[in-house]
Amino acid sequence: MSRAIVFAYHNVGVRCLSVLLAHGVDVVRVVTHQDSPNETIWFDSVAELAARHGIAVITPDDPNDPAVVAELAALQPDFLFSFYYRLMLKVPLLALPRQGAWNMHGSLLPKYRGRVPVNWAIIRGERETGATLHRMLEKPDAGDIVAQQAVPILPDDTAIEVFNKVTLAAEMALDRALPDLLAGRAKAKPQDLAAGSYFGGRKAEDGRIDWTRPAAEVHNLIRAVAPPYPGAYSDTPKGRLKVLRSLHPTGETGPHGGRPTLFSRDGRLYAECGDGRLLRLLAVELDALPLAPSTAGDQINATFGTPALSLS
């Protein structure tokens, strides 16, 4: 029976750890994170799954601490797996397992190496993403690929909807590749890093909407940071306008000549963006209170003294 140390967090961590257990892997230690009180925890718990199976769990602040490395080395693992673990693992850890260290990344590598790949793929208007199981190197997301699974991104999919697809893709890729990996006969292919790109992390402030951009770009930002992520927003004289959901623009042009404007028509709420195209807004808050599309014209008029709000 193969022995594995698993670094894992989030839904991908839960599902991929479940795959290892289903294949009879002896998971001798789980390394995960303590949930942050400053973060909305909408995802499943790796620690709870490990506890159900009697697997010892540690949550070090620094997994590369020599004492942690020594503790894990004493377990003599055959494999090390990383499934959405948030901290970088350095060479002393990666060198521990006899049959390699393997990471599950939430994109079709070499595209979208780095942080929050699902969100970046949506922001950039991709119609496809997926999950990739690859060998871990000190350089992030750069090792040879052993399995990939693609999933579609539909035009109105939000980040959580795509993330759920990527979670399933990760489970499928690992389940398919694991027998050969455990038997030592998996064939890995090198990445062409020049064909991909690396992206950094994102902050809540990065959700600020530039309404002068084309409607399609604004729509992609809105759905990429929609709840449970912090949401896309812009500031107005009467408070913060937060847009939680929109519909992919059809190409219809607005009545304001390309001047960014929020207005209501026929009981529906629209934003005219910088390219003159209309974006229908389905869920909006103004100063943390819902702005109902059916009554948005009255609400805007009551709040701003005008039936339309300039967004520029």
Protein backbone atom coordinates (compact mmCIF):
# COMPACT_ATOMS: atom_id res chain seq x y z
CA MET A 1 0.00 0.00 0.00
CA SER A 2 1.35 3.43 -0.99
CA ARG A 3 1.90 5.94 1.81
CA ALA A 4 1.08 9.58 1.15
CA ILE A 5 1.29 12.94 2.85
CA VAL A 6 -1.48 15.26 1.68
CA PHE A 7 -1.41 19.05 1.75
CA ALA A 8 -5.00 20.12 1.09
CA TYR A 9 -7.67 22.74 1.61
CA HIS A 10 -11.01 23.80 0.13
CA ASN A 11 -13.44 21.69 -1.92
CA VAL A 12 -10.77 20.43 -4.29
CA GLY A 13 -8.81 19.24 -1.29
CA VAL A 14 -11.84 17.38 0.09
CA ARG A 15 -12.72 15.68 -3.19
CA CYS A 16 -9.14 14.74 -4.09
CA LEU A 17 -8.41 13.39 -0.61
CA SER A 18 -11.59 11.33 -1.02
CA VAL A 19 -10.21 9.89 -4.27
CA LEU A 20 -6.97 8.83 -2.57
CA LEU A 21 -8.90 7.08 0.18
CA ALA A 22 -11.18 5.37 -2.35
CA HIS A 23 -8.10 3.94 -4.07
CA GLY A 24 -6.71 2.56 -0.84
CA VAL A 25 -3.86 5.02 -0.40
CA ASP A 26 -2.51 5.08 3.16
CA VAL A 27 -2.69 8.80 3.99
CA VAL A 28 -0.33 9.08 6.93
CA ARG A 29 -0.69 12.82 7.53
CA VAL A 30 -2.88 15.68 6.32
CA VAL A 31 -1.49 19.21 6.34
CA THR A 32 -4.13 21.90 6.02
CA HIS A 33 -4.96 25.47 7.11
CA GLN A 34 -6.84 26.84 10.05
CA ASP A 35 -9.87 28.72 8.75
CA SER A 36 -9.38 32.47 8.91
CA PRO A 37 -11.98 34.43 10.92
CA ASN A 38 -11.65 37.17 8.29
CA GLU A 39 -12.74 34.90 5.44
CA THR A 40 -16.21 33.71 4.52
CA ILE A 41 -15.96 29.92 4.75
CA TRP A 42 -18.34 28.63 2.07
CA PHE A 43 -16.35 25.49 1.23
CA ASP A 44 -15.95 22.04 2.78
CA SER A 45 -13.39 21.13 5.44
CA VAL A 46 -10.41 18.90 4.75
CA ALA A 47 -9.75 18.65 8.48
CA GLU A 48 -13.25 17.27 9.11
CA LEU A 49 -12.87 14.68 6.36
CA ALA A 50 -9.51 13.58 7.76
CA ALA A 51 -10.97 13.32 11.27
CA ARG A 52 -13.75 11.04 10.02
CA HIS A 53 -11.10 8.69 8.69
CA GLY A 54 -8.83 8.88 11.74
CA ILE A 55 -6.02 10.68 9.89
CA ALA A 56 -3.75 12.92 11.92
CA VAL A 57 -3.92 16.59 10.89
CA ILE A 58 -1.47 19.44 11.38
CA THR A 59 -1.90 23.13 10.52
CA PRO A 60 1.56 24.71 10.59
CA ASP A 61 1.96 28.41 9.89
CA ASP A 62 5.03 27.52 7.83
CA PRO A 63 5.05 24.02 6.32
CA ASN A 64 8.69 24.51 5.34
CA ASP A 65 9.83 24.89 8.94
CA PRO A 66 12.66 22.36 9.50
CA ALA A 67 10.81 20.81 12.41
CA VAL A 68 7.75 20.18 10.21
CA VAL A 69 9.94 18.77 7.45
CA ALA A 70 11.62 16.43 9.93
CA GLU A 71 8.25 15.26 11.30
CA LEU A 72 7.00 14.46 7.80
CA ALA A 73 10.26 12.84 6.72
CA ALA A 74 9.93 10.36 9.58
CA LEU A 75 6.71 9.11 7.97
CA GLN A 76 8.68 7.88 4.93
CA PRO A 77 6.05 8.77 2.33
CA ASP A 78 5.92 7.32 -1.16
CA PHE A 79 3.94 10.30 -2.43
CA LEU A 80 3.26 13.89 -1.53
CA PHE A 81 0.08 15.47 -2.90
CA SER A 82 -0.99 19.09 -2.84
CA PHE A 83 -4.66 19.89 -3.49
CA TYR A 84 -5.41 23.61 -3.25
CA TYR A 85 -3.02 24.10 -0.35
CA ARG A 86 -2.29 27.82 -0.25
CA LEU A 87 1.38 27.99 0.74
CA MET A 88 4.43 27.26 -1.39
CA LEU A 89 6.28 24.04 -0.65
CA LYS A 90 10.06 24.22 -0.93
CA VAL A 91 12.61 21.68 -2.10
CA PRO A 92 13.22 19.91 1.26
CA LEU A 93 9.53 18.95 1.35
CA LEU A 94 9.30 18.11 -2.33
CA ALA A 95 12.30 15.80 -2.00
CA LEU A 96 10.73 13.65 0.73
CA PRO A 97 8.49 11.25 -1.25
CA ARG A 98 10.08 8.32 -3.08
CA GLN A 99 7.62 8.52 -5.97
CA GLY A 100 7.33 12.25 -6.34
CA ALA A 101 5.31 15.27 -5.27
CA TRP A 102 2.15 16.01 -7.26
CA ASN A 103 -0.11 19.05 -7.37
CA MET A 104 -3.65 19.60 -8.65
CA HIS A 105 -3.99 23.00 -10.29
CA GLY A 106 -7.29 24.63 -11.29
CA SER A 107 -6.55 25.41 -14.92
CA LEU A 108 -5.43 23.74 -18.13
CA LEU A 109 -1.71 24.27 -17.69
CA PRO A 110 0.37 25.97 -18.91
CA LYS A 111 -2.48 28.50 -19.04
CA TYR A 112 -3.20 30.41 -15.83
CA ARG A 113 -0.29 29.30 -13.72
CA GLY A 114 -0.30 30.96 -10.30
CA ARG A 115 -3.09 32.25 -8.10
CA VAL A 116 -6.92 32.16 -8.42
CA PRO A 117 -6.91 30.63 -11.92
CA VAL A 118 -10.69 30.22 -12.10
CA ASN A 119 -11.31 33.91 -11.46
CA TRP A 120 -8.65 35.00 -13.95
CA ALA A 121 -10.00 32.69 -16.67
CA ILE A 122 -13.46 34.27 -16.33
CA ILE A 123 -12.10 37.82 -16.24
CA ARG A 124 -10.27 37.17 -19.50
CA GLY A 125 -13.33 35.74 -21.18
CA GLU A 126 -12.19 32.13 -21.56
CA ARG A 127 -14.77 29.58 -22.70
CA GLU A 128 -12.89 26.62 -21.23
CA THR A 129 -10.79 25.77 -18.21
CA GLY A 130 -10.19 22.65 -16.15
CA ALA A 131 -7.83 20.90 -13.76
CA THR A 132 -4.28 19.62 -14.19
CA LEU A 133 -2.35 17.06 -12.14
CA HIS A 134 1.36 17.77 -12.48
CA ARG A 135 4.70 17.08 -10.85
CA MET A 136 5.70 19.69 -8.29
CA LEU A 137 8.87 21.71 -8.74
CA GLU A 138 10.17 24.67 -6.79
CA LYS A 139 8.96 26.85 -9.67
CA PRO A 140 5.17 26.98 -9.20
CA ASP A 141 2.87 25.11 -11.59
CA ALA A 142 5.74 24.29 -13.93
CA GLY A 143 6.21 20.52 -13.64
CA ASP A 144 5.37 17.72 -16.06
CA ILE A 145 1.67 17.02 -16.60
CA VAL A 146 0.23 13.58 -15.87
CA ALA A 147 -3.51 14.28 -16.32
CA GLN A 148 -5.91 17.02 -17.38
CA GLN A 149 -9.68 17.38 -17.50
CA ALA A 150 -11.40 20.25 -19.33
CA VAL A 151 -14.75 21.86 -18.48
CA PRO A 152 -16.71 24.59 -20.30
CA ILE A 153 -17.22 28.14 -19.08
CA LEU A 154 -20.64 29.34 -20.20
CA PRO A 155 -21.20 33.06 -20.88
CA ASP A 156 -23.14 33.70 -17.67
CA ASP A 157 -21.30 31.30 -15.35
CA THR A 158 -20.11 32.88 -12.13
CA ALA A 159 -16.88 31.98 -10.38
CA ILE A 160 -18.54 29.61 -7.91
CA GLU A 161 -20.29 27.78 -10.75
CA VAL A 162 -17.03 27.36 -12.64
CA PHE A 163 -15.18 26.42 -9.46
CA ASN A 164 -17.69 23.63 -8.85
CA LYS A 165 -16.99 22.31 -12.35
CA VAL A 166 -13.24 22.52 -11.77
CA THR A 167 -13.64 20.61 -8.50
CA LEU A 168 -15.32 17.78 -10.38
CA ALA A 169 -12.66 17.98 -13.11
CA ALA A 170 -9.95 17.61 -10.45
CA GLU A 171 -11.68 14.55 -9.00
CA MET A 172 -12.01 12.99 -12.45
CA ALA A 173 -8.41 13.69 -13.46
CA LEU A 174 -7.00 12.24 -10.24
CA ASP A 175 -9.30 9.21 -10.28
CA ARG A 176 -8.24 8.42 -13.84
CA ALA A 177 -4.51 8.93 -13.33
CA LEU A 178 -4.03 7.49 -9.86
CA PRO A 179 -3.78 3.74 -10.69
CA ASP A 180 -0.89 4.34 -13.08
CA LEU A 181 0.70 6.85 -10.71
CA LEU A 182 0.63 4.39 -7.81
CA ALA A 183 2.01 1.62 -10.03
CA GLY A 184 4.89 3.79 -11.22
CA ARG A 185 3.87 3.64 -14.87
CA ALA A 186 2.29 7.09 -15.33
CA LYS A 187 3.55 9.01 -18.33
CA ALA A 188 4.06 12.70 -17.76
CA LYS A 189 4.63 15.27 -20.49
CA PRO A 190 6.64 18.47 -20.04
CA GLN A 191 4.92 21.84 -20.13
CA ASP A 192 5.67 24.50 -22.71
CA LEU A 193 5.71 27.41 -20.29
CA ALA A 194 6.10 29.90 -23.14
CA ALA A 195 2.60 28.91 -24.29
CA GLY A 196 1.06 29.88 -20.96
CA SER A 197 1.07 32.70 -18.46
CA TYR A 198 1.43 33.36 -14.73
CA PHE A 199 -1.11 35.34 -12.70
CA GLY A 200 -0.92 36.75 -9.19
CA GLY A 201 -3.49 36.88 -6.44
CA ARG A 202 -6.45 39.25 -6.31
CA LYS A 203 -7.78 41.54 -3.58
CA ALA A 204 -11.31 42.78 -2.91
CA GLU A 205 -10.24 46.19 -4.26
CA ASP A 206 -9.59 44.59 -7.65
CA GLY A 207 -13.36 44.24 -8.05
CA ARG A 208 -13.82 47.96 -8.74
CA ILE A 209 -15.76 48.38 -11.99
CA ASP A 210 -14.47 50.66 -14.72
CA TRP A 211 -17.74 51.42 -16.51
CA THR A 212 -15.85 53.03 -19.40
CA ARG A 213 -14.74 49.54 -20.46
CA PRO A 214 -16.76 47.46 -22.94
CA ALA A 215 -19.89 45.79 -21.57
CA ALA A 216 -18.46 42.29 -22.13
CA GLU A 217 -15.42 43.11 -19.98
CA VAL A 218 -17.57 44.54 -17.20
CA HIS A 219 -19.78 41.43 -17.29
CA ASN A 220 -16.72 39.18 -17.02
CA LEU A 221 -15.48 41.05 -13.95
CA ILE A 222 -18.91 40.93 -12.29
CA ARG A 223 -19.25 37.17 -12.66
CA ALA A 224 -15.60 36.50 -11.80
CA VAL A 225 -15.95 38.08 -8.36
CA ALA A 226 -19.64 37.34 -7.68
CA PRO A 227 -20.59 35.91 -4.26
CA PRO A 228 -19.22 34.12 -2.35
CA TYR A 229 -16.32 36.27 -3.56
CA PRO A 230 -16.39 39.96 -2.51
CA GLY A 231 -18.31 41.24 -5.55
CA ALA A 232 -17.80 43.93 -8.20
CA TYR A 233 -18.51 47.52 -7.18
CA SER A 234 -18.29 51.22 -7.90
CA ASP A 235 -18.74 54.18 -5.58
CA THR A 236 -21.48 56.81 -5.92
CA PRO A 237 -22.37 59.95 -3.96
CA LYS A 238 -24.99 57.92 -2.07
CA GLY A 239 -22.88 54.88 -1.26
CA ARG A 240 -21.30 51.85 -2.78
CA LEU A 241 -23.03 50.25 -5.75
CA LYS A 242 -22.31 46.51 -5.73
CA VAL A 243 -23.26 44.40 -8.75
CA LEU A 244 -23.70 40.74 -7.84
CA ARG A 245 -24.96 39.30 -11.13
CA SER A 246 -25.43 40.36 -14.74
CA LEU A 247 -26.38 38.82 -18.07
CA HIS A 248 -24.01 38.45 -20.99
CA PRO A 249 -24.54 41.53 -23.22
CA THR A 250 -26.44 40.92 -26.45
CA GLY A 251 -24.92 43.79 -28.38
CA GLU A 252 -27.88 46.14 -27.86
CA THR A 253 -26.82 49.76 -27.67
CA GLY A 254 -28.03 52.25 -25.09
CA PRO A 255 -29.63 55.69 -25.22
CA HIS A 256 -26.79 57.67 -23.64
CA GLY A 257 -24.21 57.73 -26.42
CA GLY A 258 -21.65 55.61 -24.62
CA ARG A 259 -21.75 57.64 -21.40
CA PRO A 260 -21.70 55.09 -18.56
CA THR A 261 -25.18 55.25 -17.03
CA LEU A 262 -27.37 53.16 -14.75
CA PHE A 263 -31.08 53.23 -15.63
CA SER A 264 -34.30 51.24 -15.49
CA ARG A 265 -36.47 50.28 -18.46
CA ASP A 266 -39.56 48.07 -18.55
CA GLY A 267 -38.91 46.91 -15.00
CA ARG A 268 -35.35 45.88 -15.78
CA LEU A 269 -32.09 47.43 -14.64
CA TYR A 270 -29.38 48.24 -17.16
CA ALA A 271 -25.94 49.78 -17.29
CA GLU A 272 -24.72 51.43 -20.44
CA CYS A 273 -20.97 50.87 -20.65
CA GLY A 274 -18.16 52.69 -22.39
CA ASP A 275 -18.68 50.98 -25.74
CA GLY A 276 -22.33 52.04 -25.75
CA ARG A 277 -23.52 48.45 -25.19
CA LEU A 278 -26.13 47.61 -22.59
CA LEU A 279 -25.49 45.25 -19.71
CA ARG A 280 -28.52 43.92 -17.87
CA LEU A 281 -27.99 43.83 -14.11
CA LEU A 282 -29.85 41.10 -12.25
CA ALA A 283 -28.75 41.63 -8.65
CA VAL A 284 -27.55 44.98 -7.33
CA GLU A 285 -27.03 46.57 -3.92
CA LEU A 286 -26.76 50.26 -3.17
CA ASP A 287 -25.10 51.03 0.16
CA ALA A 288 -25.64 47.37 1.17
CA LEU A 289 -29.42 47.46 0.45
CA PRO A 290 -31.00 45.60 -2.49
CA LEU A 291 -31.79 47.69 -5.55
CA ALA A 292 -34.69 45.74 -7.03
CA PRO A 293 -34.73 45.78 -10.86
CA SER A 294 -38.54 46.10 -10.90
CA THR A 295 -38.48 49.33 -8.89
CA ALA A 296 -34.95 50.52 -9.65
CA GLY A 297 -36.16 53.55 -11.62
CA ASP A 298 -38.14 54.83 -8.65
CA GLN A 299 -35.31 54.01 -6.24
CA ILE A 300 -32.71 55.80 -8.36
CA ASN A 301 -35.01 58.77 -8.79
CA ALA A 302 -35.73 58.91 -5.06
CA THR A 303 -32.08 58.58 -4.11
CA PHE A 304 -30.38 60.74 -6.71
CA GLY A 305 -33.19 62.98 -7.91
CA THR A 306 -32.88 61.62 -11.45
CA PRO A 307 -34.21 58.56 -13.31
CA ALA A 308 -30.68 57.66 -14.38
CA LEU A 309 -27.38 57.58 -12.52
CA SER A 310 -24.20 58.63 -14.29
CA LEU A 311 -21.47 56.05 -13.67
CA SER A 312 -18.63 58.08 -15.15
